[in-house]
N, C-alpha and C. Protein backbone atom coordinates (compact mmCIF):
# COMPACT_ATOMS: atom_id res chain seq x y z
N MET A 1 0.79 -1.42 -0.19
CA MET A 1 -0.19 0.01 0.01
C MET A 1 1.03 1.47 0.01
N VAL A 2 0.52 2.29 -0.37
CA VAL A 2 1.22 3.36 -0.58
C VAL A 2 0.19 4.49 0.10
N LEU A 3 1.41 5.19 0.96
CA LEU A 3 0.43 6.07 2.30
C LEU A 3 1.61 7.71 1.32
N ASP A 4 0.48 8.21 1.09
CA ASP A 4 0.82 10.12 0.31
C ASP A 4 0.92 10.69 1.61
N VAL A 5 1.83 11.45 2.41
CA VAL A 5 1.63 12.14 3.24
C VAL A 5 2.11 13.17 2.87
N ARG A 6 1.76 13.79 1.69
CA ARG A 6 2.25 14.92 1.10
C ARG A 6 0.71 16.08 1.56
N THR A 7 1.03 17.25 1.63
CA THR A 7 -0.15 18.43 1.98
C THR A 7 -1.06 18.64 0.78
N PRO A 8 -2.79 18.89 1.01
CA PRO A 8 -3.38 19.23 -0.16
C PRO A 8 -2.33 20.35 -1.16
N GLU A 9 -1.89 21.12 -0.81
CA GLU A 9 -1.63 21.84 -1.84
C GLU A 9 -0.37 21.25 -2.64
N GLU A 10 0.43 20.26 -2.24
CA GLU A 10 1.64 19.78 -2.76
C GLU A 10 0.77 18.70 -3.25
N ILE A 11 -0.27 18.25 -3.33
CA ILE A 11 -0.90 17.25 -4.42
C ILE A 11 -1.35 17.88 -5.37
N ARG A 12 -2.01 19.16 -5.12
CA ARG A 12 -2.57 20.09 -6.20
C ARG A 12 -2.02 20.56 -7.23
N ARG A 13 -0.70 20.90 -6.70
CA ARG A 13 0.49 21.43 -7.68
C ARG A 13 0.83 20.70 -8.68
N ARG A 14 0.82 19.52 -8.34
CA ARG A 14 1.33 18.41 -9.12
C ARG A 14 0.71 16.96 -10.04
N SER A 15 -0.19 16.58 -9.17
CA SER A 15 -1.72 15.94 -9.48
C SER A 15 -2.29 15.65 -8.66
N HIS A 16 -3.46 14.74 -8.83
CA HIS A 16 -4.31 14.35 -8.36
C HIS A 16 -3.80 13.10 -7.56
N SER A 17 -3.43 12.63 -5.96
CA SER A 17 -3.27 11.81 -5.75
C SER A 17 -3.88 10.52 -5.88
N ARG A 18 -3.64 9.32 -6.30
CA ARG A 18 -4.40 8.13 -6.57
C ARG A 18 -3.97 7.01 -5.17
N PHE A 19 -3.53 7.73 -4.69
CA PHE A 19 -2.69 6.76 -3.19
C PHE A 19 -3.46 6.97 -1.98
N HIS A 20 -3.79 6.11 -1.29
CA HIS A 20 -3.97 6.19 0.28
C HIS A 20 -3.58 7.28 0.69
N GLU A 21 -4.30 8.09 1.35
CA GLU A 21 -3.67 9.29 2.11
C GLU A 21 -3.73 9.50 3.04
N HIS A 22 -3.07 10.22 3.96
CA HIS A 22 -2.66 10.09 5.28
C HIS A 22 -2.39 11.85 5.40
N ARG A 23 -3.10 12.60 6.15
CA ARG A 23 -3.17 14.05 6.48
C ARG A 23 -1.59 13.90 7.68
N PHE A 24 -0.66 13.83 7.60
CA PHE A 24 0.42 13.99 8.80
C PHE A 24 0.39 14.96 9.51
N GLN A 25 -0.03 16.41 9.22
CA GLN A 25 0.06 17.50 9.62
C GLN A 25 -1.37 17.96 10.75
N ARG A 26 -2.39 17.09 10.07
CA ARG A 26 -3.55 17.41 10.37
C ARG A 26 -4.00 16.30 11.63
N GLY A 27 -4.59 16.54 12.74
CA GLY A 27 -5.07 15.87 13.91
C GLY A 27 -5.96 14.87 13.04
N GLY A 28 -5.70 13.88 13.46
CA GLY A 28 -6.07 12.16 13.76
C GLY A 28 -5.34 11.52 12.64
N PHE A 29 -3.91 11.97 12.76
CA PHE A 29 -3.54 11.21 12.10
C PHE A 29 -2.89 9.50 13.10
N GLN A 30 -2.64 9.89 14.03
CA GLN A 30 -2.49 8.78 14.78
C GLN A 30 -3.56 7.35 15.03
N GLN A 31 -4.79 8.05 15.20
CA GLN A 31 -5.84 7.15 14.93
C GLN A 31 -5.90 6.49 13.96
N LYS A 32 -5.91 7.21 12.79
CA LYS A 32 -6.01 6.91 11.32
C LYS A 32 -4.41 5.94 10.88
N ILE A 33 -3.51 6.32 11.33
CA ILE A 33 -2.85 5.12 11.26
C ILE A 33 -2.84 3.75 11.93
N GLY A 34 -3.60 3.85 13.31
CA GLY A 34 -3.86 2.98 14.59
C GLY A 34 -4.76 2.07 13.22
N LYS A 35 -5.08 2.19 12.69
CA LYS A 35 -5.99 1.36 12.32
C LYS A 35 -5.63 0.42 10.60
N LEU A 36 -4.15 0.80 10.53
CA LEU A 36 -4.02 0.35 9.19
C LEU A 36 -3.42 -1.33 9.49
N ASP A 37 -3.26 -2.24 8.72
CA ASP A 37 -2.87 -3.58 9.14
C ASP A 37 -1.33 -3.44 9.17
N LYS A 38 -0.58 -3.91 10.52
CA LYS A 38 0.26 -4.34 10.68
C LYS A 38 0.99 -5.34 9.44
N ASP A 39 0.06 -6.43 9.15
CA ASP A 39 0.91 -7.43 8.11
C ASP A 39 1.02 -6.62 6.84
N LYS A 40 0.47 -5.85 6.13
CA LYS A 40 1.29 -5.48 4.89
C LYS A 40 2.36 -4.50 4.63
N THR A 41 2.72 -4.63 2.95
CA THR A 41 3.96 -3.68 3.34
C THR A 41 3.54 -2.43 2.64
N TYR A 42 4.11 -1.07 3.31
CA TYR A 42 3.65 0.12 3.18
C TYR A 42 4.91 1.08 2.70
N LEU A 43 4.86 2.01 1.63
CA LEU A 43 5.40 2.96 0.87
C LEU A 43 4.97 3.61 1.10
N VAL A 44 5.87 4.59 2.12
CA VAL A 44 5.35 6.03 2.40
C VAL A 44 6.15 7.23 1.67
N HIS A 45 5.51 7.98 1.17
CA HIS A 45 6.41 9.21 0.15
C HIS A 45 5.53 10.51 0.82
N CYS A 46 5.97 11.44 0.57
CA CYS A 46 5.82 13.18 0.49
C CYS A 46 6.72 13.93 -0.57
N ALA A 47 6.69 15.18 -0.66
CA ALA A 47 7.48 15.50 -1.84
C ALA A 47 8.81 16.02 -1.45
N SER A 48 9.32 15.96 -0.15
CA SER A 48 11.23 15.96 -0.06
C SER A 48 11.65 15.00 0.17
N GLY A 49 10.85 14.10 1.06
CA GLY A 49 10.91 12.83 2.03
C GLY A 49 11.37 13.08 3.52
N GLY A 50 11.49 14.34 4.15
CA GLY A 50 11.32 14.78 5.34
C GLY A 50 10.29 14.11 6.32
N ARG A 51 8.77 14.59 5.59
CA ARG A 51 7.64 14.33 6.68
C ARG A 51 7.29 12.97 6.44
N SER A 52 7.63 12.08 4.75
CA SER A 52 7.95 10.63 5.16
C SER A 52 8.57 9.97 6.12
N ALA A 53 9.57 10.56 6.40
CA ALA A 53 10.31 9.64 7.25
C ALA A 53 9.99 9.74 8.43
N ARG A 54 9.37 10.70 8.76
CA ARG A 54 8.67 10.97 10.41
C ARG A 54 7.72 10.54 10.66
N ALA A 55 6.96 10.27 9.39
CA ALA A 55 5.48 9.34 9.74
C ALA A 55 6.15 7.62 9.24
N CYS A 56 6.77 7.32 8.87
CA CYS A 56 7.65 6.03 8.87
C CYS A 56 8.28 5.81 10.54
N ASN A 57 8.48 7.09 11.16
CA ASN A 57 9.30 6.57 12.43
C ASN A 57 7.93 6.34 13.33
N GLN A 58 6.82 7.10 12.73
CA GLN A 58 5.60 7.08 14.02
C GLN A 58 5.30 5.92 13.69
N LEU A 59 5.05 5.17 12.52
CA LEU A 59 4.45 3.83 11.92
C LEU A 59 5.17 2.70 12.66
N GLY A 60 6.43 3.06 12.53
CA GLY A 60 7.59 1.80 12.75
C GLY A 60 7.05 2.09 14.76
N LYS A 61 6.79 2.44 15.47
CA LYS A 61 6.34 2.09 16.70
C LYS A 61 5.50 1.57 17.03
N LEU A 62 4.43 2.12 16.24
CA LEU A 62 2.59 1.62 15.80
C LEU A 62 3.19 -0.02 15.47
N GLU A 63 4.37 -0.72 15.39
CA GLU A 63 4.97 -2.71 15.08
C GLU A 63 4.67 -2.80 13.71
N LEU A 64 4.46 -1.25 12.68
CA LEU A 64 4.21 -1.98 11.02
C LEU A 64 5.63 -2.33 10.76
N LYS A 65 5.82 -3.66 10.24
CA LYS A 65 7.34 -4.23 10.14
C LYS A 65 7.66 -3.66 8.78
N ASN A 66 6.87 -3.76 7.55
CA ASN A 66 7.53 -3.47 6.34
C ASN A 66 7.35 -2.29 5.82
N LEU A 67 8.11 -1.40 6.54
CA LEU A 67 7.97 0.13 5.95
C LEU A 67 8.92 0.73 5.02
N TYR A 68 8.58 1.34 4.05
CA TYR A 68 9.85 1.72 3.13
C TYR A 68 9.31 3.25 3.13
N ASN A 69 10.50 4.48 3.15
CA ASN A 69 10.18 5.60 2.97
C ASN A 69 10.77 5.93 1.61
N LEU A 70 10.11 6.61 0.76
CA LEU A 70 10.47 7.03 -0.74
C LEU A 70 11.76 8.03 -0.17
N GLU A 71 13.26 8.00 -0.15
CA GLU A 71 14.05 8.70 0.02
C GLU A 71 13.52 10.19 -0.95
N GLY A 72 14.20 11.18 -0.19
CA GLY A 72 14.01 12.26 -1.20
C GLY A 72 12.76 12.96 -2.06
N GLY A 73 11.62 11.85 -1.33
CA GLY A 73 10.41 12.18 -1.77
C GLY A 73 10.32 11.98 -3.10
N MET A 74 8.90 12.73 -3.68
CA MET A 74 8.77 12.71 -5.56
C MET A 74 9.28 13.47 -5.80
N GLY A 75 10.00 14.61 -5.34
CA GLY A 75 11.02 15.18 -6.10
C GLY A 75 12.26 14.47 -6.58
N ALA A 76 12.22 14.01 -5.94
CA ALA A 76 14.00 12.86 -6.17
C ALA A 76 13.21 11.88 -6.92
N TRP A 77 12.39 11.08 -6.99
CA TRP A 77 11.91 10.11 -7.86
C TRP A 77 11.33 10.66 -9.45
N ARG A 78 10.78 12.20 -9.21
CA ARG A 78 10.58 12.77 -10.45
C ARG A 78 11.94 13.05 -11.14
N ARG A 79 12.94 13.54 -10.19
CA ARG A 79 14.38 13.93 -11.18
C ARG A 79 15.11 12.45 -11.52
N ARG A 80 15.20 11.69 -11.02
CA ARG A 80 15.46 10.16 -11.25
C ARG A 80 14.96 9.50 -12.67
N ALA A 81 13.66 10.07 -12.14
CA ALA A 81 12.75 9.26 -13.37
C ALA A 81 13.09 10.04 -14.77
N THR A 82 13.28 11.45 -14.99
CA THR A 82 13.73 11.92 -16.07
C THR A 82 14.41 12.08 -16.38
N SER A 83 16.16 11.44 -15.55
CA SER A 83 17.31 10.98 -16.19
C SER A 83 17.62 10.34 -16.49
N GLY A 84 16.92 9.17 -16.14
CA GLY A 84 16.99 7.80 -16.90
C GLY A 84 18.04 7.08 -15.29
N GLU A 85 17.81 7.55 -14.18
CA GLU A 85 19.18 7.02 -13.87
C GLU A 85 18.14 5.94 -12.86
N LYS A 86 18.95 4.91 -12.53
CA LYS A 86 17.94 3.73 -11.51
C LYS A 86 17.93 3.64 -10.40
């Protein structure tokens, strides 16, 4: 499952998110992530990687074991995709 923790403004600027969104900076984040299936695998991303790293830290405290942070966020992913870098 892909968790998008970008702000609404970041999502609007780039595209509409097709991923499961969790508003990291809004209230209720802890309650929302507390309902996630601990046995699933999660890729967490944001715009630049900082917010998703913090979200992964919180998810890890809830004993979700299969967590992956998209380092550098969507910006780094786009740069790698357009440059042909792997």
